[in-house]
Amino acid sequence: MRPTFQVIPILCKSPLLAVGLAVGIAALALSACNGPASSFSPAGAAQPQSGRPLTGSSATASPIPFKFQTVDDPNSGWNAVNGINQLGKIVGVYGGGQSSSLYRSYYSRPPYSKFSGMNYAGAQGTYAIGVSSNKIVVGYVIDPGSQSGIWGFLRVNSAWTLTSDPNEGTGSDQVTEMLGVNDSGSAVGLYVNPSGFDVPFIYGIGTDYYSDLNPPGAVNAAATGINGKNEITGWSTNGKGVTEGWFLKTGTYYFFQYPGAQATWATSLNWQDQVCGYYEDGQGKFHGFVLTGPTKGGSQELWQAVDEENGSGGTWVTGINNHKYITGYYVDNNGKQHGFLAHP
């Protein structure tokens, strides 16, 4: 079950992109895109595969007093900020403008009043997801030029490299997405295998080497963030249909669920082992979160819900840096989607 981010509902391929097309283009839709419940069996897992069961915890009072700034391209019908590096540079996606129906990417620097386009020539959509402090942007493109499928990309300065996991499927399963990057030469993401299941990976930049990750009990999973210590976060759905976040540290997977949530998706993390993401509450509404202490469990896990004050239609948190700046998007009471950046 992969959440998708208000762009193109037929994709059903990214935890950061496409919520469906009906609230500005739609409210978040969770689609069963990958066949019956059945564990994938990735080969060559990069980490020892052990895990800790979920433990109970409760939400705490908001420990970080975030101040929000809406970040929108003025010509766009909807916006999202997907990632931020340690220098405050952001990457995001915009669409719905008058000049084109394609979904395009940008980068911007403080004060975030100017947007610089960053789009692969000839692609039917470019989705920038993560950015490192040493000028590496990652994401994915759709049907680039004469090639079909969804390809992961790395962009260094103005040079593009398209890449795909050698174990991905064909046809509608020809999918590789880069979803996170650090400053140490590693990226993470997902591919869809020939059986139609999402498999998370870690990728060596410069070596073009993929290695599967294997969250215990996962049917579908994605690796969405990696910090400078090569700790990784992501989400997985198990055979019972439960979607939860996970944090991988020194070979152990720590699973977590926002207290009382129906489902939890982790999207990024920082050096201090703070994880961000979003969750679906009991009424089907989406909220962002920041989790401090994902390896501690129980009452030592500090949860903070994040809701943009104008986000009556939901709030999604997509990125966090070492200075506790977060990024994401929200949907207002008119159904319009806006990007945001928030800082303590």
C-alpha atoms as a PDB file:
ATOM      1  CA  MET A   1       0.000   0.000   0.000  1.00  0.00           C
ATOM      2  CA  ARG A   2       1.860   3.081  -1.134  1.00  0.00           C
ATOM      3  CA  PRO A   3       0.729   6.602  -0.387  1.00  0.00           C
ATOM      4  CA  THR A   4       1.096   8.913  -3.291  1.00  0.00           C
ATOM      5  CA  PHE A   5       1.361  12.632  -3.346  1.00  0.00           C
ATOM      6  CA  GLN A   6      -1.209  14.728  -5.219  1.00  0.00           C
ATOM      7  CA  VAL A   7       0.158  14.446  -8.634  1.00  0.00           C
ATOM      8  CA  ILE A   8      -0.723  11.491 -10.786  1.00  0.00           C
ATOM      9  CA  PRO A   9      -2.899   8.807  -9.233  1.00  0.00           C
ATOM     10  CA  ILE A  10      -2.040   6.200 -11.865  1.00  0.00           C
ATOM     11  CA  LEU A  11       1.524   6.102 -10.547  1.00  0.00           C
ATOM     12  CA  CYS A  12       0.860   4.828  -7.045  1.00  0.00           C
ATOM     13  CA  LYS A  13       4.626   4.694  -6.735  1.00  0.00           C
ATOM     14  CA  SER A  14       5.991   7.142  -4.136  1.00  0.00           C
ATOM     15  CA  PRO A  15       5.511   7.934  -0.492  1.00  0.00           C
ATOM     16  CA  LEU A  16       6.212  11.553  -1.304  1.00  0.00           C
ATOM     17  CA  LEU A  17       4.382  12.058  -4.514  1.00  0.00           C
ATOM     18  CA  ALA A  18       0.737  11.888  -5.349  1.00  0.00           C
ATOM     19  CA  VAL A  19      -2.144  11.994  -3.107  1.00  0.00           C
ATOM     20  CA  GLY A  20      -4.672  11.481  -5.880  1.00  0.00           C
ATOM     21  CA  LEU A  21      -6.021  14.125  -8.081  1.00  0.00           C
ATOM     22  CA  ALA A  22      -9.054  15.504  -6.391  1.00  0.00           C
ATOM     23  CA  VAL A  23      -8.372  18.145  -3.765  1.00  0.00           C
ATOM     24  CA  GLY A  24      -6.415  20.461  -5.688  1.00  0.00           C
ATOM     25  CA  ILE A  25      -6.175  17.532  -7.493  1.00  0.00           C
ATOM     26  CA  ALA A  26      -7.375  15.123  -4.715  1.00  0.00           C
ATOM     27  CA  ALA A  27      -7.183  14.023  -1.144  1.00  0.00           C
ATOM     28  CA  LEU A  28      -4.562  11.505  -0.214  1.00  0.00           C
ATOM     29  CA  ALA A  29      -5.381   8.133  -1.704  1.00  0.00           C
ATOM     30  CA  LEU A  30      -3.832   4.917  -0.582  1.00  0.00           C
ATOM     31  CA  SER A  31      -3.894   2.459  -3.430  1.00  0.00           C
ATOM     32  CA  ALA A  32      -3.243  -1.241  -3.397  1.00  0.00           C
ATOM     33  CA  CYS A  33      -1.012  -1.119  -6.442  1.00  0.00           C
ATOM     34  CA  ASN A  34       1.108  -4.130  -5.818  1.00  0.00           C
ATOM     35  CA  GLY A  35      -0.893  -7.310  -5.749  1.00  0.00           C
ATOM     36  CA  PRO A  36      -1.779  -9.678  -2.901  1.00  0.00           C
ATOM     37  CA  ALA A  37      -0.093  -9.697   0.484  1.00  0.00           C
ATOM     38  CA  SER A  38       3.093 -11.693   0.191  1.00  0.00           C
ATOM     39  CA  SER A  39       6.551 -10.943   1.501  1.00  0.00           C
ATOM     40  CA  PHE A  40       9.187  -9.974  -1.032  1.00  0.00           C
ATOM     41  CA  SER A  41      12.543 -11.679  -0.814  1.00  0.00           C
ATOM     42  CA  PRO A  42      15.229  -9.146  -1.707  1.00  0.00           C
ATOM     43  CA  ALA A  43      18.651 -10.573  -2.348  1.00  0.00           C
ATOM     44  CA  GLY A  44      21.914  -9.210  -1.032  1.00  0.00           C
ATOM     45  CA  ALA A  45      20.521  -7.187   1.861  1.00  0.00           C
ATOM     46  CA  ALA A  46      22.997  -4.529   2.944  1.00  0.00           C
ATOM     47  CA  GLN A  47      22.283  -4.704   6.677  1.00  0.00           C
ATOM     48  CA  PRO A  48      21.870  -7.497   9.218  1.00  0.00           C
ATOM     49  CA  GLN A  49      18.143  -8.100   9.310  1.00  0.00           C
ATOM     50  CA  SER A  50      16.886  -7.847  12.855  1.00  0.00           C
ATOM     51  CA  GLY A  51      14.020  -5.889  14.296  1.00  0.00           C
ATOM     52  CA  ARG A  52      12.322  -4.747  17.465  1.00  0.00           C
ATOM     53  CA  PRO A  53       8.539  -5.082  17.843  1.00  0.00           C
ATOM     54  CA  LEU A  54       6.377  -1.989  18.082  1.00  0.00           C
ATOM     55  CA  THR A  55       5.932  -0.735  21.623  1.00  0.00           C
ATOM     56  CA  GLY A  56       3.235   1.505  23.024  1.00  0.00           C
ATOM     57  CA  SER A  57       3.770   5.236  23.409  1.00  0.00           C
ATOM     58  CA  SER A  58       1.748   8.395  23.685  1.00  0.00           C
ATOM     59  CA  ALA A  59       1.847  11.795  22.034  1.00  0.00           C
ATOM     60  CA  THR A  60       3.564  14.568  23.971  1.00  0.00           C
ATOM     61  CA  ALA A  61       3.115  18.317  24.118  1.00  0.00           C
ATOM     62  CA  SER A  62       4.688  20.043  21.122  1.00  0.00           C
ATOM     63  CA  PRO A  63       8.414  20.302  21.964  1.00  0.00           C
ATOM     64  CA  ILE A  64       9.348  22.390  18.880  1.00  0.00           C
ATOM     65  CA  PRO A  65       7.460  25.669  18.352  1.00  0.00           C
ATOM     66  CA  PHE A  66       7.475  25.714  14.561  1.00  0.00           C
ATOM     67  CA  LYS A  67       6.925  28.914  12.579  1.00  0.00           C
ATOM     68  CA  PHE A  68       5.477  28.263   9.118  1.00  0.00           C
ATOM     69  CA  GLN A  69       6.251  29.923   5.803  1.00  0.00           C
ATOM     70  CA  THR A  70       4.154  29.079   2.742  1.00  0.00           C
ATOM     71  CA  VAL A  71       6.362  28.407  -0.296  1.00  0.00           C
ATOM     72  CA  ASP A  72       4.424  28.520  -3.574  1.00  0.00           C
ATOM     73  CA  ASP A  73       5.318  29.110  -7.172  1.00  0.00           C
ATOM     74  CA  PRO A  74       3.041  32.041  -8.121  1.00  0.00           C
ATOM     75  CA  ASN A  75       2.028  30.433 -11.432  1.00  0.00           C
ATOM     76  CA  SER A  76       1.080  27.056  -9.997  1.00  0.00           C
ATOM     77  CA  GLY A  77      -2.231  25.563  -8.949  1.00  0.00           C
ATOM     78  CA  TRP A  78      -0.554  23.369  -6.332  1.00  0.00           C
ATOM     79  CA  ASN A  79       2.849  23.089  -4.695  1.00  0.00           C
ATOM     80  CA  ALA A  80       4.934  20.855  -2.441  1.00  0.00           C
ATOM     81  CA  VAL A  81       8.351  21.214  -0.809  1.00  0.00           C
ATOM     82  CA  ASN A  82       9.980  17.789  -0.655  1.00  0.00           C
ATOM     83  CA  GLY A  83      13.420  18.190   0.883  1.00  0.00           C
ATOM     84  CA  ILE A  84      15.915  20.535   2.536  1.00  0.00           C
ATOM     85  CA  ASN A  85      19.675  20.355   3.048  1.00  0.00           C
ATOM     86  CA  GLN A  86      21.833  21.678   5.886  1.00  0.00           C
ATOM     87  CA  LEU A  87      22.332  25.021   4.094  1.00  0.00           C
ATOM     88  CA  GLY A  88      18.605  25.682   3.731  1.00  0.00           C
ATOM     89  CA  LYS A  89      18.339  24.864   0.022  1.00  0.00           C
ATOM     90  CA  ILE A  90      14.993  23.242  -0.784  1.00  0.00           C
ATOM     91  CA  VAL A  91      13.670  21.166  -3.665  1.00  0.00           C
ATOM     92  CA  GLY A  92      10.058  20.677  -4.600  1.00  0.00           C
ATOM     93  CA  VAL A  93       7.434  20.116  -7.241  1.00  0.00           C
ATOM     94  CA  TYR A  94       4.770  22.361  -8.725  1.00  0.00           C
ATOM     95  CA  GLY A  95       2.040  21.903 -11.309  1.00  0.00           C
ATOM     96  CA  GLY A  96      -1.328  23.023 -12.527  1.00  0.00           C
ATOM     97  CA  GLY A  97      -0.012  26.222 -14.069  1.00  0.00           C
ATOM     98  CA  GLN A  98      -1.528  27.780 -17.167  1.00  0.00           C
ATOM     99  CA  SER A  99       1.416  27.067 -19.424  1.00  0.00           C
ATOM    100  CA  SER A 100       1.657  23.309 -18.959  1.00  0.00           C
ATOM    101  CA  SER A 101      -0.084  20.304 -17.447  1.00  0.00           C
ATOM    102  CA  LEU A 102       3.248  18.577 -16.718  1.00  0.00           C
ATOM    103  CA  TYR A 103       4.520  18.373 -13.168  1.00  0.00           C
ATOM    104  CA  ARG A 104       7.871  20.062 -12.746  1.00  0.00           C
ATOM    105  CA  SER A 105      10.601  20.441 -10.158  1.00  0.00           C
ATOM    106  CA  TYR A 106      12.512  23.387  -8.770  1.00  0.00           C
ATOM    107  CA  TYR A 107      15.114  24.376  -6.237  1.00  0.00           C
ATOM    108  CA  SER A 108      15.133  27.508  -4.137  1.00  0.00           C
ATOM    109  CA  ARG A 109      17.249  29.202  -1.489  1.00  0.00           C
ATOM    110  CA  PRO A 110      16.316  31.566   1.357  1.00  0.00           C
ATOM    111  CA  PRO A 111      14.149  33.653   1.377  1.00  0.00           C
ATOM    112  CA  TYR A 112      12.442  31.252  -1.089  1.00  0.00           C
ATOM    113  CA  SER A 113      11.031  33.957  -3.319  1.00  0.00           C
ATOM    114  CA  LYS A 114      12.721  32.713  -6.521  1.00  0.00           C
ATOM    115  CA  PHE A 115      12.260  29.297  -8.118  1.00  0.00           C
ATOM    116  CA  SER A 116      14.827  27.761 -10.470  1.00  0.00           C
ATOM    117  CA  GLY A 117      13.465  25.048 -12.735  1.00  0.00           C
ATOM    118  CA  MET A 118      15.105  21.634 -12.677  1.00  0.00           C
ATOM    119  CA  ASN A 119      13.510  19.323 -15.223  1.00  0.00           C
ATOM    120  CA  TYR A 120      14.751  16.455 -17.341  1.00  0.00           C
ATOM    121  CA  ALA A 121      14.348  17.307 -21.033  1.00  0.00           C
ATOM    122  CA  GLY A 122      11.558  15.361 -22.724  1.00  0.00           C
ATOM    123  CA  ALA A 123      10.289  13.625 -19.577  1.00  0.00           C
ATOM    124  CA  GLN A 124       6.575  13.454 -18.823  1.00  0.00           C
ATOM    125  CA  GLY A 125       7.232  14.612 -15.274  1.00  0.00           C
ATOM    126  CA  THR A 126      10.219  15.342 -13.036  1.00  0.00           C
ATOM    127  CA  TYR A 127       9.986  14.856  -9.274  1.00  0.00           C
ATOM    128  CA  ALA A 128      12.831  16.222  -7.136  1.00  0.00           C
ATOM    129  CA  ILE A 129      12.657  14.598  -3.716  1.00  0.00           C
ATOM    130  CA  GLY A 130      15.959  15.035  -1.828  1.00  0.00           C
ATOM    131  CA  VAL A 131      18.967  17.357  -1.822  1.00  0.00           C
ATOM    132  CA  SER A 132      22.365  17.039  -0.154  1.00  0.00           C
ATOM    133  CA  SER A 133      24.606  19.872   0.985  1.00  0.00           C
ATOM    134  CA  ASN A 134      27.149  18.951  -1.700  1.00  0.00           C
ATOM    135  CA  LYS A 135      24.810  19.751  -4.596  1.00  0.00           C
ATOM    136  CA  ILE A 136      23.314  16.333  -5.300  1.00  0.00           C
ATOM    137  CA  VAL A 137      19.587  16.241  -6.031  1.00  0.00           C
ATOM    138  CA  VAL A 138      17.713  12.936  -6.295  1.00  0.00           C
ATOM    139  CA  GLY A 139      14.235  11.970  -7.384  1.00  0.00           C
ATOM    140  CA  TYR A 140      12.630  10.316 -10.377  1.00  0.00           C
ATOM    141  CA  VAL A 141      11.378  11.048 -13.878  1.00  0.00           C
ATOM    142  CA  ILE A 142       8.521   9.565 -15.894  1.00  0.00           C
ATOM    143  CA  ASP A 143       9.011   8.311 -19.469  1.00  0.00           C
ATOM    144  CA  PRO A 144      12.201  10.281 -20.137  1.00  0.00           C
ATOM    145  CA  GLY A 145      12.609  10.985 -23.857  1.00  0.00           C
ATOM    146  CA  SER A 146      12.323   7.796 -25.881  1.00  0.00           C
ATOM    147  CA  GLN A 147      12.580   5.617 -22.761  1.00  0.00           C
ATOM    148  CA  SER A 148       9.567   4.284 -20.896  1.00  0.00           C
ATOM    149  CA  GLY A 149       9.054   3.665 -17.214  1.00  0.00           C
ATOM    150  CA  ILE A 150       9.955   5.519 -14.039  1.00  0.00           C
ATOM    151  CA  TRP A 151      13.684   6.152 -13.617  1.00  0.00           C
ATOM    152  CA  GLY A 152      15.599   7.326 -10.589  1.00  0.00           C
ATOM    153  CA  PHE A 153      17.828  10.310 -11.149  1.00  0.00           C
ATOM    154  CA  LEU A 154      20.836  12.037  -9.654  1.00  0.00           C
ATOM    155  CA  ARG A 155      21.597  15.618 -10.622  1.00  0.00           C
ATOM    156  CA  VAL A 156      25.005  17.060  -9.766  1.00  0.00           C
ATOM    157  CA  ASN A 157      25.213  20.740 -10.649  1.00  0.00           C
ATOM    158  CA  SER A 158      23.504  20.657 -14.053  1.00  0.00           C
ATOM    159  CA  ALA A 159      24.513  17.082 -15.029  1.00  0.00           C
ATOM    160  CA  TRP A 160      21.781  14.426 -14.975  1.00  0.00           C
ATOM    161  CA  THR A 161      22.244  10.674 -14.480  1.00  0.00           C
ATOM    162  CA  LEU A 162      19.304   8.285 -14.890  1.00  0.00           C
ATOM    163  CA  THR A 163      19.503   4.950 -13.154  1.00  0.00           C
ATOM    164  CA  SER A 164      17.380   1.879 -12.474  1.00  0.00           C
ATOM    165  CA  ASP A 165      17.704  -1.019 -10.089  1.00  0.00           C
ATOM    166  CA  PRO A 166      18.790  -4.142 -12.029  1.00  0.00           C
ATOM    167  CA  ASN A 167      16.120  -6.187 -10.245  1.00  0.00           C
ATOM    168  CA  GLU A 168      13.141  -4.028 -11.201  1.00  0.00           C
ATOM    169  CA  GLY A 169      10.264  -5.451 -13.214  1.00  0.00           C
ATOM    170  CA  THR A 170       9.029  -4.669 -16.692  1.00  0.00           C
ATOM    171  CA  GLY A 171       5.983  -2.885 -18.073  1.00  0.00           C
ATOM    172  CA  SER A 172       4.079  -1.153 -15.272  1.00  0.00           C
ATOM    173  CA  ASP A 173       6.646  -2.568 -12.827  1.00  0.00           C
ATOM    174  CA  GLN A 174       9.543  -0.795 -14.520  1.00  0.00           C
ATOM    175  CA  VAL A 175       9.968   1.567 -11.587  1.00  0.00           C
ATOM    176  CA  THR A 176      12.962   2.901  -9.643  1.00  0.00           C
ATOM    177  CA  GLU A 177      12.684   5.970  -7.401  1.00  0.00           C
ATOM    178  CA  MET A 178      15.426   7.801  -5.524  1.00  0.00           C
ATOM    179  CA  LEU A 179      13.823   9.191  -2.357  1.00  0.00           C
ATOM    180  CA  GLY A 180      16.662  10.378  -0.114  1.00  0.00           C
ATOM    181  CA  VAL A 181      20.357  11.327  -0.208  1.00  0.00           C
ATOM    182  CA  ASN A 182      23.095  12.228   2.269  1.00  0.00           C
ATOM    183  CA  ASP A 183      26.394  14.115   2.036  1.00  0.00           C
ATOM    184  CA  SER A 184      28.432  10.898   2.256  1.00  0.00           C
ATOM    185  CA  GLY A 185      27.719   9.426  -1.173  1.00  0.00           C
ATOM    186  CA  SER A 186      24.664   7.281  -0.459  1.00  0.00           C
ATOM    187  CA  ALA A 187      21.058   7.438  -1.625  1.00  0.00           C
ATOM    188  CA  VAL A 188      17.961   5.400  -0.794  1.00  0.00           C
ATOM    189  CA  GLY A 189      14.682   4.643  -2.482  1.00  0.00           C
ATOM    190  CA  LEU A 190      12.513   1.853  -3.830  1.00  0.00           C
ATOM    191  CA  TYR A 191      12.039  -0.278  -6.905  1.00  0.00           C
ATOM    192  CA  VAL A 192       9.157  -2.482  -7.976  1.00  0.00           C
ATOM    193  CA  ASN A 193      10.154  -6.103  -8.470  1.00  0.00           C
ATOM    194  CA  PRO A 194       8.792  -8.458 -11.188  1.00  0.00           C
ATOM    195  CA  SER A 195       6.062  -9.626  -8.782  1.00  0.00           C
ATOM    196  CA  GLY A 196       4.827  -6.060  -8.345  1.00  0.00           C
ATOM    197  CA  PHE A 197       6.094  -5.454  -4.792  1.00  0.00           C
ATOM    198  CA  ASP A 198       7.956  -2.384  -3.545  1.00  0.00           C
ATOM    199  CA  VAL A 199      11.489  -3.166  -2.358  1.00  0.00           C
ATOM    200  CA  PRO A 200      13.670  -0.621  -0.526  1.00  0.00           C
ATOM    201  CA  PHE A 201      17.323  -0.141  -1.395  1.00  0.00           C
ATOM    202  CA  ILE A 202      20.485   1.741  -0.548  1.00  0.00           C
ATOM    203  CA  TYR A 203      22.518   3.017  -3.484  1.00  0.00           C
ATOM    204  CA  GLY A 204      26.203   3.929  -3.766  1.00  0.00           C
ATOM    205  CA  ILE A 205      26.657   7.161  -5.695  1.00  0.00           C
ATOM    206  CA  GLY A 206      29.682   6.868  -7.940  1.00  0.00           C
ATOM    207  CA  THR A 207      29.636   3.068  -7.879  1.00  0.00           C
ATOM    208  CA  ASP A 208      26.090   2.671  -9.261  1.00  0.00           C
ATOM    209  CA  TYR A 209      25.678  -0.231  -6.825  1.00  0.00           C
ATOM    210  CA  TYR A 210      22.272  -1.168  -5.423  1.00  0.00           C
ATOM    211  CA  SER A 211      21.737  -3.267  -2.307  1.00  0.00           C
ATOM    212  CA  ASP A 212      18.302  -4.361  -1.072  1.00  0.00           C
ATOM    213  CA  LEU A 213      17.057  -3.658   2.427  1.00  0.00           C
ATOM    214  CA  ASN A 214      14.708  -6.073   4.164  1.00  0.00           C
ATOM    215  CA  PRO A 215      12.475  -4.715   6.955  1.00  0.00           C
ATOM    216  CA  PRO A 216      11.223  -7.811   8.793  1.00  0.00           C
ATOM    217  CA  GLY A 217       7.681  -8.817   7.864  1.00  0.00           C
ATOM    218  CA  ALA A 218       7.354  -6.280   5.045  1.00  0.00           C
ATOM    219  CA  VAL A 219       5.154  -6.929   2.032  1.00  0.00           C
ATOM    220  CA  ASN A 220       5.836  -3.528   0.475  1.00  0.00           C
ATOM    221  CA  ALA A 221       8.381  -1.020   1.728  1.00  0.00           C
ATOM    222  CA  ALA A 222      10.382   2.069   0.836  1.00  0.00           C
ATOM    223  CA  ALA A 223      13.566   3.662   2.165  1.00  0.00           C
ATOM    224  CA  THR A 224      12.908   7.395   2.213  1.00  0.00           C
ATOM    225  CA  GLY A 225      15.705   9.100   4.155  1.00  0.00           C
ATOM    226  CA  ILE A 226      19.370   8.624   5.039  1.00  0.00           C
ATOM    227  CA  ASN A 227      21.510  10.777   7.322  1.00  0.00           C
ATOM    228  CA  GLY A 228      25.256  11.374   7.466  1.00  0.00           C
ATOM    229  CA  LYS A 229      25.737   8.339   9.729  1.00  0.00           C
ATOM    230  CA  ASN A 230      24.096   6.113   7.089  1.00  0.00           C
ATOM    231  CA  GLU A 231      21.112   5.512   9.353  1.00  0.00           C
ATOM    232  CA  ILE A 232      17.980   5.036   7.279  1.00  0.00           C
ATOM    233  CA  THR A 233      14.282   5.579   7.723  1.00  0.00           C
ATOM    234  CA  GLY A 234      11.302   4.472   5.692  1.00  0.00           C
ATOM    235  CA  TRP A 235       7.916   2.806   5.868  1.00  0.00           C
ATOM    236  CA  SER A 236       6.591  -0.703   5.310  1.00  0.00           C
ATOM    237  CA  THR A 237       3.258  -2.481   5.057  1.00  0.00           C
ATOM    238  CA  ASN A 238       3.042  -5.935   6.579  1.00  0.00           C
ATOM    239  CA  GLY A 239       0.906  -8.947   5.699  1.00  0.00           C
ATOM    240  CA  LYS A 240      -1.939  -7.678   7.889  1.00  0.00           C
ATOM    241  CA  GLY A 241      -2.103  -4.445   5.925  1.00  0.00           C
ATOM    242  CA  VAL A 242      -0.579  -2.316   8.719  1.00  0.00           C
ATOM    243  CA  THR A 243       1.648   0.531   7.518  1.00  0.00           C
ATOM    244  CA  GLU A 244       4.258   1.751   9.972  1.00  0.00           C
ATOM    245  CA  GLY A 245       7.497   3.685   9.988  1.00  0.00           C
ATOM    246  CA  TRP A 246      10.894   2.181  10.632  1.00  0.00           C
ATOM    247  CA  PHE A 247      14.373   3.375  11.567  1.00  0.00           C
ATOM    248  CA  LEU A 248      17.467   1.320  10.706  1.00  0.00           C
ATOM    249  CA  LYS A 249      20.468   1.776  13.002  1.00  0.00           C
ATOM    250  CA  THR A 250      23.518  -0.518  13.219  1.00  0.00           C
ATOM    251  CA  GLY A 251      21.640  -3.403  11.640  1.00  0.00           C
ATOM    252  CA  THR A 252      18.448  -3.224  13.711  1.00  0.00           C
ATOM    253  CA  TYR A 253      15.051  -2.072  12.475  1.00  0.00           C
ATOM    254  CA  TYR A 254      13.005  -0.100  15.012  1.00  0.00           C
ATOM    255  CA  PHE A 255       9.325   0.101  14.081  1.00  0.00           C
ATOM    256  CA  PHE A 256       6.974   2.854  15.188  1.00  0.00           C
ATOM    257  CA  GLN A 257       3.409   4.058  14.804  1.00  0.00           C
ATOM    258  CA  TYR A 258       2.033   7.461  15.759  1.00  0.00           C
ATOM    259  CA  PRO A 259      -0.165   6.867  18.857  1.00  0.00           C
ATOM    260  CA  GLY A 260      -3.713   6.036  17.779  1.00  0.00           C
ATOM    261  CA  ALA A 261      -2.958   6.340  14.054  1.00  0.00           C
ATOM    262  CA  GLN A 262      -4.383   4.098  11.366  1.00  0.00           C
ATOM    263  CA  ALA A 263      -1.114   4.271   9.422  1.00  0.00           C
ATOM    264  CA  THR A 264       2.270   6.029   9.683  1.00  0.00           C
ATOM    265  CA  TRP A 265       4.764   6.941   6.955  1.00  0.00           C
ATOM    266  CA  ALA A 266       8.306   8.119   7.734  1.00  0.00           C
ATOM    267  CA  THR A 267       9.863  10.382   5.110  1.00  0.00           C
ATOM    268  CA  SER A 268      13.171  11.795   6.390  1.00  0.00           C
ATOM    269  CA  LEU A 269      15.586  12.013   9.331  1.00  0.00           C
ATOM    270  CA  ASN A 270      18.464  14.126  10.594  1.00  0.00           C
ATOM    271  CA  TRP A 271      21.777  13.631  12.394  1.00  0.00           C
ATOM    272  CA  GLN A 272      20.066  13.806  15.797  1.00  0.00           C
ATOM    273  CA  ASP A 273      17.916  10.772  14.895  1.00  0.00           C
ATOM    274  CA  GLN A 274      14.757  12.827  14.615  1.00  0.00           C
ATOM    275  CA  VAL A 275      12.372  11.289  12.111  1.00  0.00           C
ATOM    276  CA  CYS A 276       9.605  13.148  10.322  1.00  0.00           C
ATOM    277  CA  GLY A 277       6.675  12.031   8.209  1.00  0.00           C
ATOM    278  CA  TYR A 278       2.903  11.930   8.366  1.00  0.00           C
ATOM    279  CA  TYR A 279       0.107   9.770   9.721  1.00  0.00           C
ATOM    280  CA  GLU A 280      -3.568   9.098   9.134  1.00  0.00           C
ATOM    281  CA  ASP A 281      -5.792   9.528  12.158  1.00  0.00           C
ATOM    282  CA  GLY A 282      -8.952   7.587  13.040  1.00  0.00           C
ATOM    283  CA  GLN A 283     -11.111   9.961  10.979  1.00  0.00           C
ATOM    284  CA  GLY A 284      -8.970   9.614   7.878  1.00  0.00           C
ATOM    285  CA  LYS A 285      -7.271  13.020   8.177  1.00  0.00           C
ATOM    286  CA  PHE A 286      -3.530  13.435   7.599  1.00  0.00           C
ATOM    287  CA  HIS A 287      -1.119  15.173   9.946  1.00  0.00           C
ATOM    288  CA  GLY A 288       2.628  15.645   9.915  1.00  0.00           C
ATOM    289  CA  PHE A 289       4.846  14.481  12.756  1.00  0.00           C
ATOM    290  CA  VAL A 290       8.328  14.709  14.220  1.00  0.00           C
ATOM    291  CA  LEU A 291       9.550  11.769  16.307  1.00  0.00           C
ATOM    292  CA  THR A 292      12.508  12.131  18.673  1.00  0.00           C
ATOM    293  CA  GLY A 293      14.038   8.927  20.019  1.00  0.00           C
ATOM    294  CA  PRO A 294      12.837   6.254  17.564  1.00  0.00           C
ATOM    295  CA  THR A 295      15.084   3.592  19.152  1.00  0.00           C
ATOM    296  CA  LYS A 296      13.861   4.162  22.714  1.00  0.00           C
ATOM    297  CA  GLY A 297      10.306   2.895  22.604  1.00  0.00           C
ATOM    298  CA  GLY A 298       7.397   3.456  24.942  1.00  0.00           C
ATOM    299  CA  SER A 299       7.121   6.737  26.820  1.00  0.00           C
ATOM    300  CA  GLN A 300      10.678   7.696  25.867  1.00  0.00           C
ATOM    301  CA  GLU A 301       9.590   8.217  22.272  1.00  0.00           C
ATOM    302  CA  LEU A 302       8.682  11.898  21.943  1.00  0.00           C
ATOM    303  CA  TRP A 303       5.995  12.511  19.333  1.00  0.00           C
ATOM    304  CA  GLN A 304       4.945  15.885  17.993  1.00  0.00           C
ATOM    305  CA  ALA A 305       2.028  16.313  15.635  1.00  0.00           C
ATOM    306  CA  VAL A 306       2.616  19.009  12.999  1.00  0.00           C
ATOM    307  CA  ASP A 307      -0.369  20.853  11.547  1.00  0.00           C
ATOM    308  CA  GLU A 308      -0.053  23.977   9.436  1.00  0.00           C
ATOM    309  CA  GLU A 309      -2.635  26.413  10.783  1.00  0.00           C
ATOM    310  CA  ASN A 310      -4.268  26.810   7.366  1.00  0.00           C
ATOM    311  CA  GLY A 311      -4.141  23.088   6.603  1.00  0.00           C
ATOM    312  CA  SER A 312      -7.761  22.193   7.237  1.00  0.00           C
ATOM    313  CA  GLY A 313      -7.470  19.577   4.484  1.00  0.00           C
ATOM    314  CA  GLY A 314      -4.378  17.942   6.005  1.00  0.00           C
ATOM    315  CA  THR A 315      -0.646  18.436   6.550  1.00  0.00           C
ATOM    316  CA  TRP A 316       2.202  16.257   5.242  1.00  0.00           C
ATOM    317  CA  VAL A 317       5.829  16.609   6.420  1.00  0.00           C
ATOM    318  CA  THR A 318       8.414  15.514   3.876  1.00  0.00           C
ATOM    319  CA  GLY A 319      11.875  16.594   5.072  1.00  0.00           C
ATOM    320  CA  ILE A 320      13.952  17.626   8.097  1.00  0.00           C
ATOM    321  CA  ASN A 321      17.519  18.894   8.427  1.00  0.00           C
ATOM    322  CA  ASN A 322      20.021  19.051  11.275  1.00  0.00           C
ATOM    323  CA  HIS A 323      18.748  22.491  12.307  1.00  0.00           C
ATOM    324  CA  LYS A 324      15.211  21.107  12.791  1.00  0.00           C
ATOM    325  CA  TYR A 325      13.840  22.917   9.759  1.00  0.00           C
ATOM    326  CA  ILE A 326      11.054  20.878   8.189  1.00  0.00           C
ATOM    327  CA  THR A 327       9.387  20.915   4.773  1.00  0.00           C
ATOM    328  CA  GLY A 328       6.117  19.650   3.397  1.00  0.00           C
ATOM    329  CA  TYR A 329       2.756  20.673   2.063  1.00  0.00           C
ATOM    330  CA  TYR A 330      -0.787  21.310   3.265  1.00  0.00           C
ATOM    331  CA  VAL A 331      -4.262  21.556   1.751  1.00  0.00           C
ATOM    332  CA  ASP A 332      -6.373  24.596   2.642  1.00  0.00           C
ATOM    333  CA  ASN A 333     -10.149  24.839   3.061  1.00  0.00           C
ATOM    334  CA  ASN A 334     -10.526  25.595  -0.658  1.00  0.00           C
ATOM    335  CA  GLY A 335      -8.809  22.356  -1.601  1.00  0.00           C
ATOM    336  CA  LYS A 336      -5.626  24.084  -2.807  1.00  0.00           C
ATOM    337  CA  GLN A 337      -2.280  22.518  -2.042  1.00  0.00           C
ATOM    338  CA  HIS A 338       0.583  24.710  -0.793  1.00  0.00           C
ATOM    339  CA  GLY A 339       4.212  23.969  -0.025  1.00  0.00           C
ATOM    340  CA  PHE A 340       5.735  25.051   3.265  1.00  0.00           C
ATOM    341  CA  LEU A 341       8.914  25.392   5.234  1.00  0.00           C
ATOM    342  CA  ALA A 342       8.844  25.627   9.033  1.00  0.00           C
ATOM    343  CA  HIS A 343      11.574  26.463  11.527  1.00  0.00           C
ATOM    344  CA  PRO A 344      11.848  26.513  15.337  1.00  0.00           C
END
